[in-house]
PDB file of N, CA and C in Angstrom:
ATOM      1  N   MET A   1      -1.805  27.639  -0.462  1.00  0.00           N
ATOM      2  CA  MET A   1      -0.772  27.641   0.563  1.00  0.00           C
ATOM      3  C   MET A   1      -1.141  26.713   1.722  1.00  0.00           C
ATOM      4  N   LEU A   2      -2.375  26.834   2.173  1.00  0.00           N
ATOM      5  CA  LEU A   2      -2.825  25.974   3.268  1.00  0.00           C
ATOM      6  C   LEU A   2      -2.822  24.509   2.841  1.00  0.00           C
ATOM      7  N   GLY A   3      -3.170  24.271   1.566  1.00  0.00           N
ATOM      8  CA  GLY A   3      -3.156  22.903   1.050  1.00  0.00           C
ATOM      9  C   GLY A   3      -1.756  22.310   1.059  1.00  0.00           C
ATOM     10  N   LEU A   4      -0.748  23.134   0.726  1.00  0.00           N
ATOM     11  CA  LEU A   4       0.633  22.646   0.726  1.00  0.00           C
ATOM     12  C   LEU A   4       1.117  22.333   2.137  1.00  0.00           C
ATOM     13  N   ILE A   5       0.741  23.177   3.093  1.00  0.00           N
ATOM     14  CA  ILE A   5       1.112  22.912   4.487  1.00  0.00           C
ATOM     15  C   ILE A   5       0.468  21.609   4.960  1.00  0.00           C
ATOM     16  N   TYR A   6      -0.797  21.411   4.589  1.00  0.00           N
ATOM     17  CA  TYR A   6      -1.501  20.180   4.962  1.00  0.00           C
ATOM     18  C   TYR A   6      -0.826  18.963   4.333  1.00  0.00           C
ATOM     19  N   LEU A   7      -0.399  19.101   3.075  1.00  0.00           N
ATOM     20  CA  LEU A   7       0.271  17.993   2.389  1.00  0.00           C
ATOM     21  C   LEU A   7       1.576  17.621   3.076  1.00  0.00           C
ATOM     22  N   THR A   8       2.387  18.627   3.423  1.00  0.00           N
ATOM     23  CA  THR A   8       3.674  18.305   4.038  1.00  0.00           C
ATOM     24  C   THR A   8       3.498  17.720   5.435  1.00  0.00           C
ATOM     25  N   SER A   9       2.491  18.168   6.164  1.00  0.00           N
ATOM     26  CA  SER A   9       2.273  17.600   7.497  1.00  0.00           C
ATOM     27  C   SER A   9       1.781  16.165   7.406  1.00  0.00           C
ATOM     28  N   LEU A  10       0.973  15.866   6.396  1.00  0.00           N
ATOM     29  CA  LEU A  10       0.489  14.493   6.247  1.00  0.00           C
ATOM     30  C   LEU A  10       1.521  13.595   5.583  1.00  0.00           C
ATOM     31  N   GLY A  11       2.499  14.188   4.903  1.00  0.00           N
ATOM     32  CA  GLY A  11       3.551  13.386   4.291  1.00  0.00           C
ATOM     33  C   GLY A  11       4.337  12.602   5.325  1.00  0.00           C
ATOM     34  N   LEU A  12       4.402  13.117   6.544  1.00  0.00           N
ATOM     35  CA  LEU A  12       5.108  12.415   7.607  1.00  0.00           C
ATOM     36  C   LEU A  12       4.321  11.212   8.104  1.00  0.00           C
ATOM     37  N   ARG A  13       3.016  11.245   7.951  1.00  0.00           N
ATOM     38  CA  ARG A  13       2.196  10.117   8.413  1.00  0.00           C
ATOM     39  C   ARG A  13       2.220   8.951   7.434  1.00  0.00           C
ATOM     40  N   GLN A  14       2.736   9.179   6.241  1.00  0.00           N
ATOM     41  CA  GLN A  14       2.733   8.125   5.227  1.00  0.00           C
ATOM     42  C   GLN A  14       3.797   7.067   5.526  1.00  0.00           C
ATOM     43  N   VAL A  15       4.840   7.430   6.241  1.00  0.00           N
ATOM     44  CA  VAL A  15       5.963   6.521   6.458  1.00  0.00           C
ATOM     45  C   VAL A  15       5.571   5.266   7.233  1.00  0.00           C
ATOM     46  N   PRO A  16       4.826   5.346   8.353  1.00  0.00           N
ATOM     47  CA  PRO A  16       4.506   4.110   9.074  1.00  0.00           C
ATOM     48  C   PRO A  16       3.700   3.111   8.248  1.00  0.00           C
ATOM     49  N   LEU A  17       2.761   3.602   7.426  1.00  0.00           N
ATOM     50  CA  LEU A  17       1.962   2.688   6.612  1.00  0.00           C
ATOM     51  C   LEU A  17       2.846   1.980   5.592  1.00  0.00           C
ATOM     52  N   THR A  18       3.773   2.709   4.988  1.00  0.00           N
ATOM     53  CA  THR A  18       4.690   2.103   4.027  1.00  0.00           C
ATOM     54  C   THR A  18       5.560   1.056   4.705  1.00  0.00           C
ATOM     55  N   THR A  19       6.050   1.359   5.896  1.00  0.00           N
ATOM     56  CA  THR A  19       6.890   0.383   6.584  1.00  0.00           C
ATOM     57  C   THR A  19       6.091  -0.841   7.002  1.00  0.00           C
ATOM     58  N   ILE A  20       4.824  -0.653   7.348  1.00  0.00           N
ATOM     59  CA  ILE A  20       3.971  -1.802   7.677  1.00  0.00           C
ATOM     60  C   ILE A  20       3.834  -2.713   6.466  1.00  0.00           C
ATOM     61  N   PHE A  21       3.587  -2.115   5.271  1.00  0.00           N
ATOM     62  CA  PHE A  21       3.477  -2.919   4.053  1.00  0.00           C
ATOM     63  C   PHE A  21       4.789  -3.637   3.758  1.00  0.00           C
ATOM     64  N   LEU A  22       5.918  -2.964   3.965  1.00  0.00           N
ATOM     65  CA  LEU A  22       7.212  -3.591   3.706  1.00  0.00           C
ATOM     66  C   LEU A  22       7.465  -4.752   4.662  1.00  0.00           C
ATOM     67  N   VAL A  23       7.105  -4.582   5.925  1.00  0.00           N
ATOM     68  CA  VAL A  23       7.290  -5.665   6.903  1.00  0.00           C
ATOM     69  C   VAL A  23       6.423  -6.864   6.542  1.00  0.00           C
ATOM     70  N   ILE A  24       5.161  -6.601   6.146  1.00  0.00           N
ATOM     71  CA  ILE A  24       4.275  -7.695   5.731  1.00  0.00           C
ATOM     72  C   ILE A  24       4.862  -8.422   4.531  1.00  0.00           C
ATOM     73  N   ALA A  25       5.366  -7.665   3.559  1.00  0.00           N
ATOM     74  CA  ALA A  25       5.934  -8.281   2.358  1.00  0.00           C
ATOM     75  C   ALA A  25       7.187  -9.088   2.690  1.00  0.00           C
ATOM     76  N   VAL A  26       8.033  -8.564   3.574  1.00  0.00           N
ATOM     77  CA  VAL A  26       9.268  -9.274   3.941  1.00  0.00           C
ATOM     78  C   VAL A  26       8.953 -10.554   4.701  1.00  0.00           C
ATOM     79  N   ILE A  27       7.919 -10.529   5.531  1.00  0.00           N
ATOM     80  CA  ILE A  27       7.550 -11.730   6.284  1.00  0.00           C
ATOM     81  C   ILE A  27       6.903 -12.769   5.368  1.00  0.00           C
ATOM     82  N   LEU A  28       6.026 -12.320   4.480  1.00  0.00           N
ATOM     83  CA  LEU A  28       5.276 -13.266   3.662  1.00  0.00           C
ATOM     84  C   LEU A  28       6.046 -13.776   2.447  1.00  0.00           C
ATOM     85  N   ALA A  29       6.987 -13.000   1.932  1.00  0.00           N
ATOM     86  CA  ALA A  29       7.678 -13.406   0.705  1.00  0.00           C
ATOM     87  C   ALA A  29       8.403 -14.749   0.837  1.00  0.00           C
ATOM     88  N   PRO A  30       9.210 -14.986   1.866  1.00  0.00           N
ATOM     89  CA  PRO A  30       9.862 -16.301   1.960  1.00  0.00           C
ATOM     90  C   PRO A  30       8.870 -17.444   2.150  1.00  0.00           C
ATOM     91  N   LEU A  31       7.809 -17.193   2.918  1.00  0.00           N
ATOM     92  CA  LEU A  31       6.802 -18.243   3.125  1.00  0.00           C
ATOM     93  C   LEU A  31       6.113 -18.604   1.818  1.00  0.00           C
ATOM     94  N   ILE A  32       5.779 -17.585   1.024  1.00  0.00           N
ATOM     95  CA  ILE A  32       5.111 -17.841  -0.252  1.00  0.00           C
ATOM     96  C   ILE A  32       6.057 -18.557  -1.208  1.00  0.00           C
ATOM     97  N   ILE A  33       7.325 -18.134  -1.240  1.00  0.00           N
ATOM     98  CA  ILE A  33       8.293 -18.786  -2.128  1.00  0.00           C
ATOM     99  C   ILE A  33       8.488 -20.245  -1.721  1.00  0.00           C
ATOM    100  N   LEU A  34       8.583 -20.516  -0.424  1.00  0.00           N
ATOM    101  CA  LEU A  34       8.724 -21.904   0.037  1.00  0.00           C
ATOM    102  C   LEU A  34       7.495 -22.733  -0.313  1.00  0.00           C
ATOM    103  N   ALA A  35       6.311 -22.132  -0.188  1.00  0.00           N
ATOM    104  CA  ALA A  35       5.087 -22.861  -0.523  1.00  0.00           C
ATOM    105  C   ALA A  35       5.041 -23.190  -2.009  1.00  0.00           C
ATOM    106  N   VAL A  36       5.454 -22.246  -2.846  1.00  0.00           N
ATOM    107  CA  VAL A  36       5.448 -22.494  -4.292  1.00  0.00           C
ATOM    108  C   VAL A  36       6.466 -23.568  -4.648  1.00  0.00           C
ATOM    109  N   LEU A  37       7.642 -23.514  -4.041  1.00  0.00           N
ATOM    110  CA  LEU A  37       8.671 -24.506  -4.355  1.00  0.00           C
ATOM    111  C   LEU A  37       8.297 -25.891  -3.835  1.00  0.00           C
ATOM    112  N   ALA A  38       7.618 -25.944  -2.696  1.00  0.00           N
ATOM    113  CA  ALA A  38       7.292 -27.235  -2.097  1.00  0.00           C
ATOM    114  C   ALA A  38       6.158 -27.935  -2.833  1.00  0.00           C
ATOM    115  N   ASP A  39       5.212 -27.177  -3.344  1.00  0.00           N
ATOM    116  CA  ASP A  39       4.017 -27.784  -3.928  1.00  0.00           C
ATOM    117  C   ASP A  39       3.892 -27.365  -5.385  1.00  0.00           C
ATOM    118  N   LYS A  40       4.316 -28.236  -6.291  1.00  0.00           N
ATOM    119  CA  LYS A  40       4.283 -27.902  -7.710  1.00  0.00           C
ATOM    120  C   LYS A  40       2.893 -28.092  -8.318  1.00  0.00           C
ATOM    121  N   GLN A  41       2.044 -28.848  -7.654  1.00  0.00           N
ATOM    122  CA  GLN A  41       0.720 -29.132  -8.202  1.00  0.00           C
ATOM    123  C   GLN A  41      -0.162 -27.880  -8.200  1.00  0.00           C
ATOM    124  N   TYR A  42      -0.074 -27.081  -7.165  1.00  0.00           N
ATOM    125  CA  TYR A  42      -0.951 -25.917  -7.026  1.00  0.00           C
ATOM    126  C   TYR A  42      -0.202 -24.606  -7.252  1.00  0.00           C
ATOM    127  N   LYS A  43       0.835 -24.632  -8.089  1.00  0.00           N
ATOM    128  CA  LYS A  43       1.669 -23.446  -8.287  1.00  0.00           C
ATOM    129  C   LYS A  43       0.865 -22.277  -8.857  1.00  0.00           C
ATOM    130  N   LYS A  44      -0.048 -22.538  -9.790  1.00  0.00           N
ATOM    131  CA  LYS A  44      -0.835 -21.450 -10.387  1.00  0.00           C
ATOM    132  C   LYS A  44      -1.754 -20.801  -9.354  1.00  0.00           C
ATOM    133  N   ILE A  45      -2.301 -21.597  -8.453  1.00  0.00           N
ATOM    134  CA  ILE A  45      -3.176 -21.045  -7.412  1.00  0.00           C
ATOM    135  C   ILE A  45      -2.364 -20.158  -6.471  1.00  0.00           C
ATOM    136  N   TYR A  46      -1.144 -20.595  -6.130  1.00  0.00           N
ATOM    137  CA  TYR A  46      -0.293 -19.775  -5.265  1.00  0.00           C
ATOM    138  C   TYR A  46       0.080 -18.465  -5.953  1.00  0.00           C
ATOM    139  N   LEU A  47       0.422 -18.538  -7.235  1.00  0.00           N
ATOM    140  CA  LEU A  47       0.786 -17.314  -7.955  1.00  0.00           C
ATOM    141  C   LEU A  47      -0.398 -16.366  -8.048  1.00  0.00           C
ATOM    142  N   LEU A  48      -1.598 -16.914  -8.252  1.00  0.00           N
ATOM    143  CA  LEU A  48      -2.798 -16.076  -8.276  1.00  0.00           C
ATOM    144  C   LEU A  48      -3.031 -15.436  -6.911  1.00  0.00           C
ATOM    145  N   ALA A  49      -2.788 -16.186  -5.845  1.00  0.00           N
ATOM    146  CA  ALA A  49      -2.941 -15.627  -4.499  1.00  0.00           C
ATOM    147  C   ALA A  49      -1.942 -14.499  -4.251  1.00  0.00           C
ATOM    148  N   ILE A  50      -0.706 -14.665  -4.745  1.00  0.00           N
ATOM    149  CA  ILE A  50       0.300 -13.607  -4.599  1.00  0.00           C
ATOM    150  C   ILE A  50      -0.146 -12.346  -5.327  1.00  0.00           C
ATOM    151  N   VAL A  51      -0.629 -12.505  -6.557  1.00  0.00           N
ATOM    152  CA  VAL A  51      -1.073 -11.349  -7.344  1.00  0.00           C
ATOM    153  C   VAL A  51      -2.241 -10.649  -6.658  1.00  0.00           C
ATOM    154  N   LEU A  52      -3.213 -11.422  -6.177  1.00  0.00           N
ATOM    155  CA  LEU A  52      -4.365 -10.817  -5.501  1.00  0.00           C
ATOM    156  C   LEU A  52      -3.953 -10.116  -4.207  1.00  0.00           C
ATOM    157  N   PHE A  53      -3.005 -10.699  -3.480  1.00  0.00           N
ATOM    158  CA  PHE A  53      -2.521 -10.072  -2.249  1.00  0.00           C
ATOM    159  C   PHE A  53      -1.834  -8.739  -2.549  1.00  0.00           C
ATOM    160  N   LEU A  54      -0.998  -8.724  -3.588  1.00  0.00           N
ATOM    161  CA  LEU A  54      -0.324  -7.476  -3.958  1.00  0.00           C
ATOM    162  C   LEU A  54      -1.320  -6.432  -4.443  1.00  0.00           C
ATOM    163  N   LEU A  55      -2.348  -6.870  -5.177  1.00  0.00           N
ATOM    164  CA  LEU A  55      -3.384  -5.928  -5.613  1.00  0.00           C
ATOM    165  C   LEU A  55      -4.140  -5.358  -4.419  1.00  0.00           C
ATOM    166  N   ALA A  56      -4.404  -6.203  -3.422  1.00  0.00           N
ATOM    167  CA  ALA A  56      -5.102  -5.714  -2.229  1.00  0.00           C
ATOM    168  C   ALA A  56      -4.255  -4.689  -1.483  1.00  0.00           C
ATOM    169  N   LEU A  57      -2.954  -4.970  -1.337  1.00  0.00           N
ATOM    170  CA  LEU A  57      -2.070  -4.003  -0.680  1.00  0.00           C
ATOM    171  C   LEU A  57      -2.015  -2.699  -1.460  1.00  0.00           C
ATOM    172  N   GLY A  58      -1.926  -2.813  -2.787  1.00  0.00           N
ATOM    173  CA  GLY A  58      -1.876  -1.610  -3.614  1.00  0.00           C
ATOM    174  C   GLY A  58      -3.148  -0.797  -3.524  1.00  0.00           C
ATOM    175  N   SER A  59      -4.294  -1.469  -3.498  1.00  0.00           N
ATOM    176  CA  SER A  59      -5.557  -0.734  -3.427  1.00  0.00           C
ATOM    177  C   SER A  59      -5.717  -0.054  -2.070  1.00  0.00           C
ATOM    178  N   ILE A  60      -5.277  -0.716  -0.996  1.00  0.00           N
ATOM    179  CA  ILE A  60      -5.323  -0.079   0.328  1.00  0.00           C
ATOM    180  C   ILE A  60      -4.437   1.161   0.341  1.00  0.00           C
ATOM    181  N   TYR A  61      -3.255   1.046  -0.260  1.00  0.00           N
ATOM    182  CA  TYR A  61      -2.325   2.174  -0.293  1.00  0.00           C
ATOM    183  C   TYR A  61      -2.890   3.327  -1.123  1.00  0.00           C
ATOM    184  N   ILE A  62      -3.529   3.009  -2.254  1.00  0.00           N
ATOM    185  CA  ILE A  62      -4.127   4.047  -3.104  1.00  0.00           C
ATOM    186  C   ILE A  62      -5.281   4.726  -2.378  1.00  0.00           C
ATOM    187  N   ILE A  63      -6.124   3.946  -1.704  1.00  0.00           N
ATOM    188  CA  ILE A  63      -7.244   4.532  -0.958  1.00  0.00           C
ATOM    189  C   ILE A  63      -6.712   5.446   0.145  1.00  0.00           C
ATOM    190  N   TYR A  64      -5.649   5.016   0.814  1.00  0.00           N
ATOM    191  CA  TYR A  64      -5.034   5.840   1.863  1.00  0.00           C
ATOM    192  C   TYR A  64      -4.552   7.171   1.287  1.00  0.00           C
ATOM    193  N   ASN A  65      -3.881   7.107   0.133  1.00  0.00           N
ATOM    194  CA  ASN A  65      -3.383   8.341  -0.480  1.00  0.00           C
ATOM    195  C   ASN A  65      -4.517   9.239  -0.929  1.00  0.00           C
ATOM    196  N   VAL A  66      -5.590   8.663  -1.460  1.00  0.00           N
ATOM    197  CA  VAL A  66      -6.718   9.480  -1.913  1.00  0.00           C
ATOM    198  C   VAL A  66      -7.364  10.179  -0.727  1.00  0.00           C
ATOM    199  N   LEU A  67      -7.562   9.440   0.363  1.00  0.00           N
ATOM    200  CA  LEU A  67      -8.243  10.023   1.520  1.00  0.00           C
ATOM    201  C   LEU A  67      -7.422  11.119   2.177  1.00  0.00           C
ATOM    202  N   TYR A  68      -6.116  10.900   2.317  1.00  0.00           N
ATOM    203  CA  TYR A  68      -5.312  11.817   3.116  1.00  0.00           C
ATOM    204  C   TYR A  68      -4.546  12.853   2.305  1.00  0.00           C
ATOM    205  N   PHE A  69      -4.525  12.727   0.979  1.00  0.00           N
ATOM    206  CA  PHE A  69      -3.744  13.676   0.199  1.00  0.00           C
ATOM    207  C   PHE A  69      -4.581  14.428  -0.828  1.00  0.00           C
ATOM    208  N   ILE A  70      -5.327  13.722  -1.655  1.00  0.00           N
ATOM    209  CA  ILE A  70      -6.002  14.376  -2.776  1.00  0.00           C
ATOM    210  C   ILE A  70      -7.225  15.156  -2.312  1.00  0.00           C
ATOM    211  N   ILE A  71      -8.048  14.561  -1.454  1.00  0.00           N
ATOM    212  CA  ILE A  71      -9.275  15.236  -1.006  1.00  0.00           C
ATOM    213  C   ILE A  71      -8.963  16.530  -0.243  1.00  0.00           C
ATOM    214  N   PRO A  72      -8.023  16.547   0.724  1.00  0.00           N
ATOM    215  CA  PRO A  72      -7.726  17.824   1.393  1.00  0.00           C
ATOM    216  C   PRO A  72      -7.161  18.882   0.451  1.00  0.00           C
ATOM    217  N   VAL A  73      -6.372  18.473  -0.540  1.00  0.00           N
ATOM    218  CA  VAL A  73      -5.845  19.451  -1.497  1.00  0.00           C
ATOM    219  C   VAL A  73      -6.990  20.084  -2.270  1.00  0.00           C
ATOM    220  N   ILE A  74      -7.967  19.284  -2.670  1.00  0.00           N
ATOM    221  CA  ILE A  74      -9.128  19.826  -3.382  1.00  0.00           C
ATOM    222  C   ILE A  74      -9.914  20.758  -2.467  1.00  0.00           C
ATOM    223  N   LEU A  75     -10.080  20.366  -1.211  1.00  0.00           N
ATOM    224  CA  LEU A  75     -10.857  21.185  -0.282  1.00  0.00           C
ATOM    225  C   LEU A  75     -10.163  22.504   0.038  1.00  0.00           C
ATOM    226  N   PHE A  76      -8.828  22.448   0.251  1.00  0.00           N
ATOM    227  CA  PHE A  76      -8.110  23.640   0.690  1.00  0.00           C
ATOM    228  C   PHE A  76      -7.545  24.461  -0.460  1.00  0.00           C
ATOM    229  N   SER A  77      -7.696  24.001  -1.698  1.00  0.00           N
ATOM    230  CA  SER A  77      -7.096  24.740  -2.810  1.00  0.00           C
ATOM    231  C   SER A  77      -7.788  26.082  -3.042  1.00  0.00           C
ATOM    232  N   GLY A  78      -9.054  26.196  -2.650  1.00  0.00           N
ATOM    233  CA  GLY A  78      -9.761  27.459  -2.833  1.00  0.00           C
ATOM    234  C   GLY A  78      -9.430  28.485  -1.771  1.00  0.00           C
ATOM    235  N   ILE A  79      -8.857  28.057  -0.641  1.00  0.00           N
ATOM    236  CA  ILE A  79      -8.527  28.975   0.448  1.00  0.00           C
ATOM    237  C   ILE A  79      -7.145  29.566   0.181  1.00  0.00           C
ATOM    238  N   ARG A  80      -7.047  30.882   0.186  1.00  0.00           N
ATOM    239  CA  ARG A  80      -5.747  31.520  -0.075  1.00  0.00           C
ATOM    240  C   ARG A  80      -5.332  32.353   1.112  1.00  0.00           C
TER     241      ARG A  80
END
């Protein structure tokens, strides 16, 4: 029960991080697309940079979820 209360209270804190990632993606997406269209010689390097950037964002988001959601549920699941 305590774990569920902790989860719902932390669920509200997840929104700002998601919006930050969305703002970063919205700002960078047109710049990256323009760079790829402008420079055909290094297109593979740009695409690799896009993939690595998305992987970095995803890993940060996963680490955030693990720290703030999974660990407290494990800790508080024994308390009734």
